Amino acid sequence: MSIYDNYSRKISERMWNLPDKGELESHREEIYIDDIIQKSHIEKKLLENLDGIKTVFDGGAGSGRFSILLAKHGCKVTHFDISQPMIDKAKELAQEAGVVDKITFVKGALEDLSGYADNSFDMVISFDAPISYTYPNQEYVIGELVRMAKKRIIISVTSRLGTLPYLSNPIQKNQFILDEHSEDPSVQWLISNRQNAIDTFHFEKSGIEKLMAEGLMGGENEIAEYEKGGTPWCITYAFMPNELEDLLRSHGVKNIELAGPGAYARTIPNELLVKIMNDPKQRLDFLDFCYKYDSNPYVCGMGKDNLLAKGDL
């Protein structure tokens, strides 16, 4: 057994169970343009694939962005998450949306899905990369999610090719700030720390090549911080596109489609992104075009930081 077998789960539980996590995550689409683009892409993909879907398992469902959406479209959804604050916020939002009776809320970790039988759900989904936080069990978890799906699976994982540019761009998130006057603490920190991030930046070829070769972000430092009582970011495994496709195919998934939400937006400066987002017509047209562009298999690796995959059983 690897030391990470225990720590990946423990670190994830501590981080996602911070009291304010549910509230913070539920507002990301109001704060960051890349989150708007990614969530819009996933929503479009889901709504295109609801034919014959009545039951859905949402693994790592967070504050309910997609479980609530699917419940509104008549699906019976199992909302599964490691975080009680996330579940509490999702229940609140589901109640406001009038669909709380269509959602079953379950607290649990993706590493243990043994309570669900084969083909339990018409569709299985998992977004914003909780699968990548289960390292070194990410391949096992994907197999379990496929096992539970009767007709379709749609997941997103951390993208290795999409993440690598961040190591050479410590101000990349600034590009996607929707409102620089937002009172959100993360926005104000990004703005105030921008020049320092530039001044202290140093290109580290060895670190970038290591991530390129191994796909692993985090490890001993995160474990040490956890042991000191801290709340480090999750140990994360980043997938290559062909690796994810081959893994899904090995479990019998067919008609696999890959996408990189955010690939097109990476080419546009903040000033223009903000202008587009603040005009309803431009925003709608832009999100529609992003969906088409980012669905092209030739750019799937260069999405924001997630790699999206859809397949049929």
Protein backbone atom coordinates (compact mmCIF):
# COMPACT_ATOMS: atom_id res chain seq x y z
CA MET A 1 0.00 0.00 0.00
CA SER A 2 1.29 3.48 -0.91
CA ILE A 3 1.41 6.20 1.72
CA TYR A 4 -0.86 8.21 -0.57
CA ASP A 5 -3.66 5.64 -0.27
CA ASN A 6 -4.58 7.10 3.10
CA TYR A 7 -3.39 10.68 2.77
CA SER A 8 -5.11 11.55 -0.49
CA ARG A 9 -8.47 10.85 1.10
CA LYS A 10 -7.64 12.46 4.45
CA ILE A 11 -6.29 15.63 2.85
CA SER A 12 -9.34 15.89 0.58
CA GLU A 13 -11.73 15.41 3.50
CA ARG A 14 -10.08 18.15 5.54
CA MET A 15 -9.94 20.66 2.69
CA TRP A 16 -13.44 20.19 1.31
CA ASN A 17 -14.99 20.09 4.78
CA LEU A 18 -13.82 23.58 5.67
CA PRO A 19 -16.97 25.37 6.92
CA ASP A 20 -17.08 27.96 4.14
CA LYS A 21 -16.42 25.60 1.21
CA GLY A 22 -20.05 25.13 0.22
CA GLU A 23 -20.77 28.85 0.14
CA LEU A 24 -17.54 29.75 -1.67
CA GLU A 25 -17.86 27.09 -4.37
CA SER A 26 -21.48 27.99 -5.08
CA HIS A 27 -20.40 31.50 -6.17
CA ARG A 28 -17.45 30.71 -8.44
CA GLU A 29 -19.45 31.37 -11.60
CA GLU A 30 -20.12 34.90 -10.37
CA ILE A 31 -16.41 35.58 -9.87
CA TYR A 32 -14.27 33.86 -12.51
CA ILE A 33 -14.78 33.76 -16.28
CA ASP A 34 -13.01 30.42 -16.71
CA ASP A 35 -15.51 28.85 -14.32
CA ILE A 36 -18.39 30.34 -16.30
CA ILE A 37 -16.99 28.83 -19.51
CA GLN A 38 -16.30 25.42 -17.99
CA LYS A 39 -19.71 25.13 -16.31
CA SER A 40 -21.46 26.29 -19.49
CA HIS A 41 -19.62 23.64 -21.51
CA ILE A 42 -20.57 20.87 -19.08
CA GLU A 43 -24.19 22.00 -19.01
CA LYS A 44 -24.42 21.93 -22.79
CA LYS A 45 -22.84 18.46 -22.89
CA LEU A 46 -25.26 17.12 -20.28
CA LEU A 47 -28.35 18.52 -21.95
CA GLU A 48 -27.27 17.00 -25.26
CA ASN A 49 -27.04 13.56 -23.65
CA LEU A 50 -30.24 13.20 -21.60
CA ASP A 51 -32.12 11.01 -24.07
CA GLY A 52 -33.24 7.91 -22.16
CA ILE A 53 -31.65 9.11 -18.91
CA LYS A 54 -33.83 8.88 -15.80
CA THR A 55 -31.36 8.17 -12.99
CA VAL A 56 -28.01 9.88 -12.43
CA PHE A 57 -25.11 9.45 -9.98
CA ASP A 58 -23.19 12.70 -9.47
CA GLY A 59 -19.84 11.83 -7.86
CA GLY A 60 -18.19 14.77 -6.13
CA ALA A 61 -21.33 16.82 -6.71
CA GLY A 62 -20.22 19.81 -4.65
CA SER A 63 -22.80 22.52 -4.09
CA GLY A 64 -25.18 20.97 -6.61
CA ARG A 65 -24.57 22.91 -9.83
CA PHE A 66 -25.32 19.88 -12.01
CA SER A 67 -27.37 17.65 -9.75
CA ILE A 68 -29.91 20.49 -9.44
CA LEU A 69 -29.82 21.12 -13.20
CA LEU A 70 -30.55 17.46 -13.94
CA ALA A 71 -33.28 17.29 -11.31
CA LYS A 72 -34.94 20.27 -13.00
CA HIS A 73 -34.94 18.22 -16.20
CA GLY A 74 -36.77 15.35 -14.53
CA CYS A 75 -33.88 13.10 -13.51
CA LYS A 76 -33.70 11.33 -10.18
CA VAL A 77 -30.21 12.22 -8.90
CA THR A 78 -27.91 10.78 -6.25
CA HIS A 79 -25.76 13.68 -5.05
CA PHE A 80 -22.57 12.13 -3.62
CA ASP A 81 -19.87 14.23 -2.00
CA ILE A 82 -17.09 14.03 0.60
CA SER A 83 -18.01 17.40 2.12
CA GLN A 84 -20.87 18.05 4.53
CA PRO A 85 -20.72 21.84 3.99
CA MET A 86 -21.06 21.21 0.24
CA ILE A 87 -24.02 18.90 0.78
CA ASP A 88 -25.69 21.38 3.12
CA LYS A 89 -25.34 24.15 0.55
CA ALA A 90 -26.62 21.86 -2.21
CA LYS A 91 -29.70 21.00 -0.14
CA GLU A 92 -30.36 24.69 0.42
CA LEU A 93 -30.09 25.47 -3.30
CA ALA A 94 -32.15 22.42 -4.26
CA GLN A 95 -34.86 23.56 -1.87
CA GLU A 96 -34.86 27.02 -3.45
CA ALA A 97 -35.07 25.41 -6.91
CA GLY A 98 -37.99 23.21 -5.87
CA VAL A 99 -36.24 19.92 -6.66
CA VAL A 100 -35.00 18.71 -3.27
CA ASP A 101 -37.42 15.77 -3.44
CA LYS A 102 -35.74 14.55 -6.64
CA ILE A 103 -32.25 14.39 -5.13
CA THR A 104 -30.79 11.87 -2.68
CA PHE A 105 -27.87 13.35 -0.75
CA VAL A 106 -25.07 10.98 0.30
CA LYS A 107 -21.83 11.81 2.14
CA GLY A 108 -18.98 9.57 1.02
CA ALA A 109 -15.64 9.25 -0.74
CA LEU A 110 -15.17 8.15 -4.35
CA GLU A 111 -12.59 5.62 -3.17
CA ASP A 112 -15.45 3.53 -1.76
CA LEU A 113 -18.41 3.00 -4.08
CA SER A 114 -18.92 -0.64 -3.08
CA GLY A 115 -22.43 0.12 -1.84
CA TYR A 116 -23.67 0.59 -5.40
CA ALA A 117 -24.46 -2.34 -7.67
CA ASP A 118 -23.38 -2.71 -11.30
CA ASN A 119 -25.44 -0.62 -13.77
CA SER A 120 -27.18 1.21 -10.91
CA PHE A 121 -27.67 4.47 -12.81
CA ASP A 122 -28.53 5.37 -16.38
CA MET A 123 -25.78 8.00 -16.32
CA VAL A 124 -22.79 8.58 -14.06
CA ILE A 125 -21.12 12.00 -13.90
CA SER A 126 -18.21 13.50 -11.99
CA PHE A 127 -16.97 17.05 -12.63
CA ASP A 128 -14.28 19.49 -11.50
CA ALA A 129 -11.72 16.72 -11.07
CA PRO A 130 -12.58 14.89 -7.80
CA ILE A 131 -11.33 11.73 -9.53
CA SER A 132 -7.86 13.28 -9.79
CA TYR A 133 -7.86 13.89 -6.03
CA THR A 134 -8.09 10.14 -5.32
CA TYR A 135 -4.46 9.42 -6.35
CA PRO A 136 -3.14 6.71 -6.45
CA ASN A 137 -6.61 5.19 -6.83
CA GLN A 138 -7.77 7.28 -9.79
CA GLU A 139 -7.83 4.39 -12.27
CA TYR A 140 -9.75 2.19 -9.83
CA VAL A 141 -12.26 4.99 -9.20
CA ILE A 142 -12.88 5.46 -12.92
CA GLY A 143 -13.46 1.72 -13.24
CA GLU A 144 -15.98 1.87 -10.40
CA LEU A 145 -17.83 4.80 -11.95
CA VAL A 146 -18.03 2.97 -15.28
CA ARG A 147 -19.25 -0.17 -13.48
CA MET A 148 -22.15 1.77 -11.98
CA ALA A 149 -23.25 3.26 -15.32
CA LYS A 150 -25.87 1.58 -17.47
CA LYS A 151 -25.92 3.88 -20.52
CA ARG A 152 -23.51 6.80 -20.28
CA ILE A 153 -20.62 8.33 -18.37
CA ILE A 154 -19.42 11.95 -18.45
CA ILE A 155 -16.47 12.99 -16.29
CA SER A 156 -13.82 15.66 -16.01
CA VAL A 157 -10.36 15.14 -14.57
CA THR A 158 -7.32 17.35 -14.10
CA SER A 159 -5.64 17.89 -17.48
CA ARG A 160 -1.86 17.47 -17.59
CA LEU A 161 -1.39 19.50 -20.77
CA GLY A 162 -3.86 22.11 -19.55
CA THR A 163 -2.14 22.45 -16.18
CA LEU A 164 1.47 22.64 -17.37
CA PRO A 165 1.25 26.27 -18.65
CA TYR A 166 0.26 27.39 -15.14
CA LEU A 167 3.75 26.52 -13.91
CA SER A 168 5.10 29.23 -16.21
CA ASN A 169 2.33 31.72 -15.52
CA PRO A 170 1.72 32.51 -11.84
CA ILE A 171 -0.79 35.22 -12.80
CA GLN A 172 -2.91 33.04 -15.09
CA LYS A 173 -6.00 33.30 -12.85
CA ASN A 174 -5.93 37.10 -13.11
CA GLN A 175 -6.88 36.73 -16.76
CA PHE A 176 -10.27 35.37 -15.71
CA ILE A 177 -11.34 37.81 -12.99
CA LEU A 178 -14.80 39.02 -13.94
CA ASP A 179 -14.97 42.05 -11.62
CA GLU A 180 -11.76 43.48 -10.19
CA HIS A 181 -13.84 45.33 -7.59
CA SER A 182 -15.33 42.11 -6.22
CA GLU A 183 -15.07 41.78 -2.45
CA ASP A 184 -14.25 38.09 -2.79
CA PRO A 185 -11.00 37.52 -0.84
CA SER A 186 -9.44 35.37 -3.57
CA VAL A 187 -9.96 38.09 -6.17
CA GLN A 188 -8.44 40.78 -3.99
CA TRP A 189 -5.49 38.53 -3.16
CA LEU A 190 -4.81 37.83 -6.83
CA ILE A 191 -4.85 41.53 -7.63
CA SER A 192 -2.69 42.59 -4.68
CA ASN A 193 -0.20 39.74 -5.21
CA ARG A 194 0.11 40.10 -8.99
CA GLN A 195 3.35 42.09 -9.08
CA ASN A 196 4.94 39.97 -6.38
CA ALA A 197 4.08 36.83 -8.34
CA ILE A 198 5.85 38.30 -11.37
CA ASP A 199 8.86 39.54 -9.41
CA THR A 200 9.46 36.24 -7.64
CA PHE A 201 8.80 34.00 -10.65
CA HIS A 202 11.62 31.78 -11.88
CA PHE A 203 11.24 29.25 -14.69
CA GLU A 204 11.98 25.78 -13.31
CA LYS A 205 12.44 23.41 -16.24
CA SER A 206 13.02 20.36 -14.04
CA GLY A 207 9.72 20.76 -12.18
CA ILE A 208 7.75 21.22 -15.38
CA GLU A 209 9.37 18.20 -17.02
CA LYS A 210 8.66 16.13 -13.91
CA LEU A 211 4.95 16.99 -14.05
CA MET A 212 4.92 16.32 -17.79
CA ALA A 213 6.40 12.86 -17.24
CA GLU A 214 4.60 11.77 -14.07
CA GLY A 215 1.38 13.78 -13.88
CA LEU A 216 1.57 14.10 -10.09
CA MET A 217 1.06 17.38 -8.27
CA GLY A 218 1.74 17.36 -4.56
CA GLY A 219 3.08 14.67 -2.26
CA GLU A 220 5.39 14.78 0.73
CA ASN A 221 5.04 18.53 1.37
CA GLU A 222 1.25 18.25 1.47
CA ILE A 223 1.44 15.29 3.85
CA ALA A 224 3.78 17.23 6.13
CA GLU A 225 1.47 20.24 6.13
CA TYR A 226 -1.51 18.02 6.91
CA GLU A 227 0.33 16.45 9.85
CA LYS A 228 1.03 19.92 11.25
CA GLY A 229 -2.72 20.59 11.25
CA GLY A 230 -2.77 22.55 8.01
CA THR A 231 -5.17 22.32 5.09
CA PRO A 232 -3.11 21.77 1.94
CA TRP A 233 -4.51 21.47 -1.56
CA CYS A 234 -5.32 17.89 -2.54
CA ILE A 235 -2.63 15.62 -3.94
CA THR A 236 -3.65 15.58 -7.60
CA TYR A 237 -3.09 13.32 -10.60
CA ALA A 238 -3.24 15.03 -14.01
CA PHE A 239 -4.25 12.91 -17.02
CA MET A 240 -3.04 12.96 -20.59
CA PRO A 241 -5.91 12.83 -23.14
CA ASN A 242 -4.87 9.50 -24.69
CA GLU A 243 -4.37 8.03 -21.23
CA LEU A 244 -7.94 8.87 -20.17
CA GLU A 245 -9.39 7.66 -23.46
CA ASP A 246 -7.50 4.35 -23.28
CA LEU A 247 -8.56 3.83 -19.68
CA LEU A 248 -12.23 4.37 -20.45
CA ARG A 249 -12.03 2.11 -23.49
CA SER A 250 -10.42 -0.65 -21.40
CA HIS A 251 -13.57 -0.65 -19.25
CA GLY A 252 -15.85 -1.05 -22.26
CA VAL A 253 -16.78 2.59 -22.85
CA LYS A 254 -17.65 3.39 -26.48
CA ASN A 255 -18.15 6.53 -28.58
CA ILE A 256 -15.67 8.46 -26.44
CA GLU A 257 -15.53 12.22 -26.96
CA LEU A 258 -12.89 14.44 -25.34
CA ALA A 259 -13.02 18.20 -24.79
CA GLY A 260 -10.94 20.91 -23.16
CA PRO A 261 -13.30 23.59 -21.79
CA GLY A 262 -11.49 26.91 -21.71
CA ALA A 263 -9.03 26.29 -24.54
CA TYR A 264 -10.31 29.15 -26.71
CA ALA A 265 -10.60 31.60 -23.82
CA ARG A 266 -6.94 31.13 -22.92
CA THR A 267 -6.07 33.13 -26.05
CA ILE A 268 -8.04 36.25 -25.01
CA PRO A 269 -6.87 38.96 -22.58
CA ASN A 270 -8.89 39.86 -19.49
CA GLU A 271 -10.04 43.24 -20.81
CA LEU A 272 -11.77 41.62 -23.79
CA LEU A 273 -13.14 38.67 -21.81
CA VAL A 274 -14.77 41.08 -19.34
CA LYS A 275 -16.25 43.12 -22.21
CA ILE A 276 -17.72 39.97 -23.76
CA MET A 277 -19.12 38.69 -20.46
CA ASN A 278 -20.81 42.00 -19.63
CA ASP A 279 -22.80 42.06 -22.88
CA PRO A 280 -25.61 39.45 -22.82
CA LYS A 281 -25.64 38.86 -26.59
CA GLN A 282 -21.85 38.63 -26.92
CA ARG A 283 -21.70 36.38 -23.85
CA LEU A 284 -24.25 33.93 -25.25
CA ASP A 285 -22.58 33.81 -28.66
CA PHE A 286 -19.12 33.48 -27.10
CA LEU A 287 -20.10 30.57 -24.85
CA ASP A 288 -21.71 28.80 -27.82
CA PHE A 289 -18.55 29.20 -29.89
CA CYS A 290 -16.30 28.15 -27.01
CA TYR A 291 -18.31 24.94 -26.74
CA LYS A 292 -17.69 24.15 -30.42
CA TYR A 293 -14.02 25.11 -30.38
CA ASP A 294 -13.20 23.41 -27.07
CA SER A 295 -14.90 20.20 -28.24
CA ASN A 296 -12.41 19.81 -31.08
CA PRO A 297 -10.18 16.83 -30.21
CA TYR A 298 -7.10 18.70 -31.41
CA VAL A 299 -7.37 21.23 -28.55
CA CYS A 300 -8.82 18.98 -25.84
CA GLY A 301 -5.58 18.98 -23.84
CA MET A 302 -5.36 22.75 -23.62
CA GLY A 303 -8.52 23.46 -21.67
CA LYS A 304 -8.45 25.57 -18.50
CA ASP A 305 -7.36 22.81 -16.15
CA ASN A 306 -9.91 20.08 -16.78
CA LEU A 307 -10.17 17.38 -19.41
CA LEU A 308 -13.74 16.33 -20.17
CA ALA A 309 -14.74 12.88 -21.45
CA LYS A 310 -18.11 11.50 -22.50
CA GLY A 311 -18.79 7.90 -23.50
CA ASP A 312 -21.51 5.31 -23.88
CA LEU A 313 -21.90 1.84 -22.42
